[in-house]
Amino acid sequence: MAARTKAEGWEGFSTKEAARALGIAQGTAKSTLHRALEILRQEPTPSEAAA
């Protein structure tokens, strides 16, 4: 859940903007985002977790 909240905080930013804000290369930001999204896709949604 915390990972989802942190990821949502970057919603609306381009990878270039996020990379600049984090002080990392744009390619690093893209690969990190890709890995994070893969993890989030595997997490149960709140309704699934309550069942």
Protein backbone atom coordinates (compact mmCIF):
# COMPACT_ATOMS: atom_id res chain seq x y z
CA MET A 1 0.00 0.00 0.00
CA ALA A 2 2.82 2.44 0.81
CA ALA A 3 4.43 1.76 -2.57
CA ARG A 4 1.15 2.57 -4.30
CA THR A 5 0.84 5.86 -2.40
CA LYS A 6 4.41 6.86 -3.26
CA ALA A 7 3.92 5.99 -6.92
CA GLU A 8 0.72 8.02 -7.09
CA GLY A 9 2.66 11.04 -5.85
CA TRP A 10 4.51 11.11 -9.20
CA GLU A 11 1.38 10.86 -11.30
CA GLY A 12 1.30 13.55 -13.95
CA PHE A 13 5.08 13.93 -14.13
CA SER A 14 6.97 12.89 -17.24
CA THR A 15 9.86 10.51 -16.69
CA LYS A 16 12.17 13.39 -17.62
CA GLU A 17 10.64 15.61 -14.90
CA ALA A 18 10.72 12.83 -12.30
CA ALA A 19 14.34 12.01 -13.16
CA ARG A 20 15.34 15.64 -12.81
CA ALA A 21 13.52 15.96 -9.46
CA LEU A 22 15.18 12.80 -8.14
CA GLY A 23 18.61 13.65 -9.53
CA ILE A 24 18.85 10.43 -11.57
CA ALA A 25 19.22 9.63 -15.27
CA GLN A 26 16.04 9.44 -17.32
CA GLY A 27 16.77 5.81 -18.24
CA THR A 28 17.10 4.96 -14.55
CA ALA A 29 13.76 6.63 -13.85
CA LYS A 30 12.11 4.67 -16.66
CA SER A 31 13.46 1.30 -15.51
CA THR A 32 12.59 2.04 -11.86
CA LEU A 33 9.06 3.02 -12.86
CA HIS A 34 8.69 -0.14 -14.93
CA ARG A 35 9.78 -2.34 -12.01
CA ALA A 36 7.50 -0.47 -9.60
CA LEU A 37 4.48 -0.85 -11.88
CA GLU A 38 5.15 -4.60 -12.21
CA ILE A 39 5.16 -4.90 -8.41
CA LEU A 40 1.97 -2.85 -8.07
CA ARG A 41 0.20 -5.00 -10.65
CA GLN A 42 0.85 -8.02 -8.44
CA GLU A 43 -0.51 -6.39 -5.25
CA PRO A 44 -4.13 -7.12 -4.40
CA THR A 45 -6.56 -4.22 -4.64
CA PRO A 46 -8.18 -3.08 -1.35
CA SER A 47 -11.36 -4.98 -2.22
CA GLU A 48 -9.40 -8.15 -2.97
CA ALA A 49 -7.44 -7.83 0.26
CA ALA A 50 -10.65 -7.50 2.30
CA ALA A 51 -12.12 -10.70 0.86
